[in-house]
Amino acid sequence: MMRSSQSRIYLIPIALLILVVGLTAAIHTDPKPSIRHSFFIAGPDFTGIIGEQGEEIWNSGKPGARDGYVLPNGNILICWGDEVKEYNGKKEVIFTYSKSSPENELGTAVRLANGYTLITESGKEPKLIEVDQQGVKKVSVPLVPETDNTHMQTRMARKLPNGNYLVPHLLAFSVKEYTPSGEVVNVFKSDLPELGGRAAENWPFTAIRLKNNNTLVTLTHGNKVVEFDAAGKVVWKISNDDFSEKPFSDPCGAQRLTNGNTVIASYGASEGVKLFELDYDKKMVWSYSGYRVHEFQVLTTNGKPLVGSPLK
């Protein structure tokens, strides 16, 4: 997604990191420490950073965010439906992009290696755009969501290392890979018979290209997360069928960690578990039951910042 990102460490602002590590120092004296994460939340009730003890570290003051990143320099990039903002360590807004038409919706925001910000803008002419730090459009890629329903056209788009874009389209039951010219060169279908067909409402929401070239996809109303190989075959699937407690409720965001575990946001859960981590054998190893979570980014684990570009 970002060139030369594997050598970077994604840090929250240094003062916040000191606080997080200080609060979790006791964990390191435990010979068998339990898992503790700090993480950024983009959610309907809270948009900010939660520490490893479940405490609020940073609050944007504006709930309802759809996407967001804590950047390598500690700044925080957040996408709401109407605007994208970047905050520096002093909580000053240093970048803003507003939707180009009142009926449009913004869905995602990613800072690219070239300094541009990738944004999805749904509406009558759905598209991906890349804008510079002054908010000037430098790239525009038309999308084919197969619906006029603005809210259901697309969600978490990401740019791939090859320069193409990976874009989930909910009502098309498809994750499409676009070239910069807008050509669709690959499609991953979520209405496969083995997934229950269209009746299962497997709407793709977040699509993540993994290091092994597989693609991890959350399927919202279908309450599933699946991994496709390069040919579009399902090679791993997890759902409520694998758990007695049924933790999947409209899974939206997801992140694949470096240890191979997958963290999933259960956006539709009004009570109980809202965010949880599963290993590849489908065992739940960590969970969070605070604010509702739409998208997120795990920042630290047991006091250690995550290294490299987050797969989210």
Protein backbone atom coordinates (compact mmCIF):
# COMPACT_ATOMS: atom_id res chain seq x y z
CA MET A 1 0.00 0.00 0.00
CA MET A 2 2.82 2.37 0.82
CA ARG A 3 6.25 2.00 -0.73
CA SER A 4 9.17 1.54 1.65
CA SER A 5 6.73 1.32 4.53
CA GLN A 6 8.12 -1.87 6.05
CA SER A 7 10.98 0.02 7.64
CA ARG A 8 8.65 2.52 9.32
CA ILE A 9 7.22 2.32 12.82
CA TYR A 10 3.65 3.54 13.20
CA LEU A 11 3.67 5.57 16.39
CA ILE A 12 1.15 7.56 18.30
CA PRO A 13 2.49 10.98 19.39
CA ILE A 14 5.44 10.48 21.73
CA ALA A 15 3.71 11.88 24.83
CA LEU A 16 0.81 9.50 24.29
CA LEU A 17 3.16 6.58 23.69
CA ILE A 18 5.00 7.31 26.97
CA LEU A 19 1.66 7.28 28.75
CA VAL A 20 0.59 4.00 27.16
CA VAL A 21 3.91 2.27 27.91
CA GLY A 22 3.99 3.66 31.45
CA LEU A 23 0.54 2.36 32.18
CA THR A 24 1.45 -1.09 30.90
CA ALA A 25 4.90 -1.37 32.48
CA ALA A 26 3.61 -3.86 35.04
CA ILE A 27 2.64 -6.20 32.23
CA HIS A 28 6.29 -6.83 31.38
CA THR A 29 6.98 -8.26 34.86
CA ASP A 30 4.45 -11.03 34.23
CA PRO A 31 6.28 -14.10 32.82
CA LYS A 32 3.12 -14.93 30.86
CA PRO A 33 1.66 -11.54 29.95
CA SER A 34 -1.87 -11.38 28.64
CA ILE A 35 -2.42 -9.56 25.36
CA ARG A 36 -2.94 -5.80 25.63
CA HIS A 37 -3.50 -3.55 22.63
CA SER A 38 -3.78 0.18 22.21
CA PHE A 39 -5.69 1.16 19.10
CA PHE A 40 -7.29 3.94 17.09
CA ILE A 41 -11.08 3.78 16.70
CA ALA A 42 -13.20 5.32 13.96
CA GLY A 43 -16.66 4.75 15.34
CA PRO A 44 -20.18 6.14 15.74
CA ASP A 45 -19.78 7.12 19.38
CA PHE A 46 -16.05 7.80 19.72
CA THR A 47 -13.22 8.63 17.34
CA GLY A 48 -9.81 8.57 18.97
CA ILE A 49 -7.23 6.36 20.66
CA ILE A 50 -7.79 3.78 23.39
CA GLY A 51 -4.84 2.74 25.59
CA GLU A 52 -3.81 -0.75 26.58
CA GLN A 53 -5.82 -0.53 29.81
CA GLY A 54 -8.97 0.53 27.96
CA GLU A 55 -8.51 4.21 28.84
CA GLU A 56 -9.10 7.13 26.45
CA ILE A 57 -5.75 8.51 25.27
CA TRP A 58 -6.93 10.92 22.56
CA ASN A 59 -10.37 12.10 21.48
CA SER A 60 -11.06 13.87 18.19
CA GLY A 61 -14.21 15.40 19.67
CA LYS A 62 -16.19 14.36 16.59
CA PRO A 63 -17.73 10.87 16.54
CA GLY A 64 -19.06 9.11 13.47
CA ALA A 65 -15.76 8.60 11.60
CA ARG A 66 -15.53 5.94 8.91
CA ASP A 67 -11.80 5.43 8.46
CA GLY A 68 -8.53 6.66 9.87
CA TYR A 69 -4.81 6.14 10.34
CA VAL A 70 -2.22 7.08 12.90
CA LEU A 71 0.62 8.10 10.57
CA PRO A 72 4.32 7.31 10.99
CA ASN A 73 4.99 10.88 12.22
CA GLY A 74 2.29 10.57 14.89
CA ASN A 75 -0.28 12.69 13.05
CA ILE A 76 -3.81 11.31 12.84
CA LEU A 77 -5.74 11.16 9.55
CA ILE A 78 -9.51 10.72 9.88
CA CYS A 79 -12.32 10.34 7.35
CA TRP A 80 -15.92 11.28 8.12
CA GLY A 81 -18.75 11.13 5.62
CA ASP A 82 -18.39 14.82 4.79
CA GLU A 83 -14.69 15.57 5.28
CA VAL A 84 -11.18 14.29 5.85
CA LYS A 85 -8.89 15.92 8.41
CA GLU A 86 -5.31 15.46 9.57
CA TYR A 87 -4.34 16.44 13.12
CA ASN A 88 -0.79 17.05 14.30
CA GLY A 89 0.57 16.36 17.79
CA LYS A 90 -0.90 19.64 19.06
CA LYS A 91 -4.34 18.61 17.78
CA GLU A 92 -4.14 21.31 15.11
CA VAL A 93 -5.84 20.56 11.78
CA ILE A 94 -3.16 20.71 9.10
CA PHE A 95 -5.09 19.11 6.21
CA THR A 96 -8.75 19.18 5.21
CA TYR A 97 -10.68 17.83 2.25
CA SER A 98 -14.45 18.29 1.98
CA LYS A 99 -16.78 16.36 -0.30
CA SER A 100 -17.32 18.02 -3.66
CA SER A 101 -21.12 17.80 -3.64
CA PRO A 102 -23.71 17.81 -0.80
CA GLU A 103 -25.22 14.47 -1.87
CA ASN A 104 -21.83 12.73 -2.02
CA GLU A 105 -20.24 10.63 0.72
CA LEU A 106 -16.60 10.15 1.61
CA GLY A 107 -15.71 6.63 2.68
CA THR A 108 -11.99 6.18 3.25
CA ALA A 109 -8.73 8.08 3.60
CA VAL A 110 -5.20 6.70 3.30
CA ARG A 111 -1.93 8.64 3.23
CA LEU A 112 0.19 7.37 0.35
CA ALA A 113 3.96 7.16 0.03
CA ASN A 114 3.98 10.11 -2.39
CA GLY A 115 2.34 12.32 0.26
CA TYR A 116 -1.05 12.35 -1.45
CA THR A 117 -4.20 11.21 0.35
CA LEU A 118 -6.37 8.52 -1.22
CA ILE A 119 -10.10 9.16 -0.70
CA THR A 120 -13.25 7.44 -1.94
CA GLU A 121 -16.11 9.73 -2.97
CA SER A 122 -19.45 8.07 -3.69
CA GLY A 123 -22.35 9.67 -5.53
CA LYS A 124 -23.57 10.13 -9.09
CA GLU A 125 -19.99 9.80 -10.33
CA PRO A 126 -18.33 7.46 -7.81
CA LYS A 127 -14.57 7.66 -7.86
CA LEU A 128 -11.26 7.33 -6.11
CA ILE A 129 -9.24 10.49 -5.83
CA GLU A 130 -5.74 11.33 -4.73
CA VAL A 131 -5.27 14.85 -3.39
CA ASP A 132 -2.16 16.74 -2.36
CA GLN A 133 -1.65 18.44 1.01
CA GLN A 134 -3.48 21.53 -0.27
CA GLY A 135 -6.52 19.42 -1.17
CA VAL A 136 -5.92 19.67 -4.93
CA LYS A 137 -7.02 16.59 -6.89
CA LYS A 138 -4.07 14.95 -8.64
CA VAL A 139 -5.63 11.60 -9.60
CA SER A 140 -9.21 10.54 -10.28
CA VAL A 141 -10.26 6.94 -10.95
CA PRO A 142 -13.88 6.19 -11.95
CA LEU A 143 -15.53 3.30 -10.11
CA VAL A 144 -18.17 0.78 -11.17
CA PRO A 145 -20.17 -0.06 -8.03
CA GLU A 146 -23.20 -1.42 -9.97
CA THR A 147 -25.68 0.63 -7.92
CA ASP A 148 -26.97 4.19 -7.65
CA ASN A 149 -27.31 3.82 -3.87
CA THR A 150 -24.63 6.28 -2.75
CA HIS A 151 -24.23 4.83 0.74
CA MET A 152 -23.84 1.28 -0.57
CA GLN A 153 -21.42 1.92 -3.43
CA THR A 154 -18.09 1.35 -1.72
CA ARG A 155 -16.13 1.42 1.51
CA MET A 156 -12.47 0.79 2.44
CA ALA A 157 -10.36 1.24 -0.70
CA ARG A 158 -6.60 0.70 -0.56
CA LYS A 159 -3.75 1.29 -2.99
CA LEU A 160 -1.63 -1.74 -3.82
CA PRO A 161 2.16 -1.85 -4.23
CA ASN A 162 1.72 -2.35 -8.00
CA GLY A 163 -0.12 1.00 -8.25
CA ASN A 164 -3.58 -0.52 -8.65
CA TYR A 165 -6.46 -0.03 -6.22
CA LEU A 166 -8.44 -2.64 -4.26
CA VAL A 167 -12.06 -1.52 -3.85
CA PRO A 168 -14.97 -3.34 -2.15
CA HIS A 169 -18.44 -2.80 -3.67
CA LEU A 170 -21.20 -3.90 -1.30
CA LEU A 171 -24.23 -4.41 -3.55
CA ALA A 172 -22.09 -5.71 -6.42
CA PHE A 173 -20.95 -8.50 -4.09
CA SER A 174 -17.49 -7.85 -5.45
CA VAL A 175 -14.04 -6.62 -4.55
CA LYS A 176 -12.60 -5.10 -7.71
CA GLU A 177 -9.00 -4.30 -8.53
CA TYR A 178 -8.72 -1.16 -10.67
CA THR A 179 -5.80 0.22 -12.63
CA PRO A 180 -5.11 3.98 -12.37
CA SER A 181 -7.04 4.39 -15.65
CA GLY A 182 -10.13 2.76 -14.16
CA GLU A 183 -9.84 -0.64 -15.86
CA VAL A 184 -11.03 -3.57 -13.74
CA VAL A 185 -8.35 -6.27 -13.92
CA ASN A 186 -9.50 -8.65 -11.18
CA VAL A 187 -12.72 -9.39 -9.27
CA PHE A 188 -13.26 -11.35 -6.06
CA LYS A 189 -16.90 -12.46 -5.75
CA SER A 190 -18.58 -12.73 -2.34
CA ASP A 191 -21.83 -14.29 -3.59
CA LEU A 192 -20.26 -17.70 -4.19
CA PRO A 193 -22.50 -20.73 -3.52
CA GLU A 194 -20.19 -22.00 -0.77
CA LEU A 195 -20.67 -18.66 1.04
CA GLY A 196 -24.47 -18.82 0.80
CA GLY A 197 -24.98 -16.89 -2.44
CA ARG A 198 -26.61 -13.46 -2.53
CA ALA A 199 -29.25 -14.48 -0.01
CA ALA A 200 -26.51 -14.43 2.67
CA GLU A 201 -25.94 -10.69 2.03
CA ASN A 202 -22.17 -11.07 2.03
CA TRP A 203 -21.50 -7.38 1.36
CA PRO A 204 -17.73 -6.79 1.09
CA PHE A 205 -16.61 -3.91 3.26
CA THR A 206 -12.87 -4.04 3.98
CA ALA A 207 -10.45 -5.72 1.56
CA ILE A 208 -6.81 -6.22 2.47
CA ARG A 209 -4.09 -7.53 0.16
CA LEU A 210 -1.86 -9.76 2.26
CA LYS A 211 1.84 -10.41 1.85
CA ASN A 212 1.17 -13.87 0.39
CA ASN A 213 -0.97 -12.20 -2.32
CA ASN A 214 -4.21 -13.48 -0.79
CA THR A 215 -7.00 -11.00 -0.10
CA LEU A 216 -8.75 -10.78 3.28
CA VAL A 217 -12.33 -9.46 3.09
CA THR A 218 -14.95 -8.67 5.74
CA LEU A 219 -18.52 -9.50 4.68
CA THR A 220 -20.86 -7.31 6.70
CA HIS A 221 -24.44 -8.61 6.75
CA GLY A 222 -23.12 -12.08 6.04
CA ASN A 223 -21.23 -11.99 9.36
CA LYS A 224 -18.15 -13.60 7.89
CA VAL A 225 -14.50 -12.86 7.19
CA VAL A 226 -12.91 -14.73 4.32
CA GLU A 227 -9.53 -15.01 2.67
CA PHE A 228 -9.35 -15.45 -1.10
CA ASP A 229 -6.36 -16.72 -3.05
CA ALA A 230 -5.25 -14.92 -6.21
CA ALA A 231 -7.78 -16.87 -8.29
CA GLY A 232 -10.71 -15.88 -6.06
CA LYS A 233 -11.03 -19.23 -4.27
CA VAL A 234 -11.95 -19.14 -0.57
CA VAL A 235 -8.99 -20.58 1.37
CA TRP A 236 -10.03 -19.50 4.89
CA LYS A 237 -13.37 -18.50 6.38
CA ILE A 238 -14.54 -17.62 9.86
CA SER A 239 -18.05 -16.80 11.03
CA ASN A 240 -20.49 -17.20 13.90
CA ASP A 241 -20.66 -20.89 13.04
CA ASP A 242 -17.23 -21.20 14.66
CA PHE A 243 -18.25 -19.70 18.04
CA SER A 244 -20.90 -20.41 20.62
CA GLU A 245 -20.93 -16.72 21.67
CA LYS A 246 -21.62 -15.50 18.09
CA PRO A 247 -19.25 -12.47 18.12
CA PHE A 248 -19.81 -11.45 14.48
CA SER A 249 -22.35 -8.65 14.15
CA ASP A 250 -21.91 -6.65 10.95
CA PRO A 251 -18.10 -6.97 10.75
CA CYS A 252 -16.69 -3.85 9.10
CA GLY A 253 -13.02 -3.15 9.79
CA ALA A 254 -10.26 -5.75 10.04
CA GLN A 255 -6.50 -5.87 10.46
CA ARG A 256 -4.08 -8.75 9.87
CA LEU A 257 -1.28 -8.60 12.43
CA THR A 258 2.32 -9.66 11.82
CA ASN A 259 1.81 -12.80 13.93
CA GLY A 260 -0.88 -13.95 11.49
CA ASN A 261 -3.80 -13.17 13.79
CA THR A 262 -6.79 -11.20 12.53
CA VAL A 263 -8.51 -8.40 14.48
CA ILE A 264 -12.15 -7.79 13.52
CA ALA A 265 -14.58 -4.98 14.32
CA SER A 266 -18.10 -6.13 15.18
CA TYR A 267 -19.77 -2.85 14.27
CA GLY A 268 -23.33 -4.02 14.84
CA ALA A 269 -22.76 -5.17 18.42
CA SER A 270 -24.62 -2.85 20.81
CA GLU A 271 -23.43 -4.83 23.84
CA GLY A 272 -20.57 -7.19 24.61
CA VAL A 273 -17.56 -7.68 22.36
CA LYS A 274 -17.00 -4.89 19.82
CA LEU A 275 -13.47 -5.75 18.65
CA PHE A 276 -11.71 -9.12 18.85
CA GLU A 277 -8.54 -10.93 17.79
CA LEU A 278 -8.53 -14.45 16.36
CA ASP A 279 -5.63 -16.72 15.53
CA TYR A 280 -5.57 -18.71 12.28
CA ASP A 281 -6.99 -21.72 14.12
CA LYS A 282 -10.06 -19.60 14.95
CA LYS A 283 -9.36 -19.18 18.65
CA MET A 284 -10.28 -15.83 20.20
CA VAL A 285 -7.22 -14.50 22.05
CA TRP A 286 -8.24 -10.88 22.84
CA SER A 287 -11.37 -8.76 22.87
CA TYR A 288 -12.60 -5.23 23.63
CA SER A 289 -16.11 -4.38 24.83
CA GLY A 290 -16.11 -0.57 25.01
CA TYR A 291 -17.11 1.76 22.19
CA ARG A 292 -18.58 0.52 18.92
CA VAL A 293 -15.96 0.20 16.20
CA HIS A 294 -16.40 0.88 12.48
CA GLU A 295 -12.72 0.94 11.47
CA PHE A 296 -9.59 0.83 13.62
CA GLN A 297 -5.81 0.48 13.77
CA VAL A 298 -3.94 -1.55 16.37
CA LEU A 299 -1.02 0.61 17.53
CA THR A 300 0.82 -1.25 20.30
CA THR A 301 0.84 -4.71 21.83
CA ASN A 302 2.03 -5.13 25.43
CA GLY A 303 3.81 -1.78 25.26
CA LYS A 304 5.54 -2.36 21.92
CA PRO A 305 4.59 -0.30 18.85
CA LEU A 306 3.64 -2.29 15.75
CA VAL A 307 6.26 -2.15 13.00
CA GLY A 308 5.53 -1.64 9.30
CA SER A 309 2.53 -0.60 7.26
CA PRO A 310 -0.67 -1.84 8.96
CA LEU A 311 -2.62 -4.37 6.91
CA LYS A 312 -6.07 -2.85 7.47
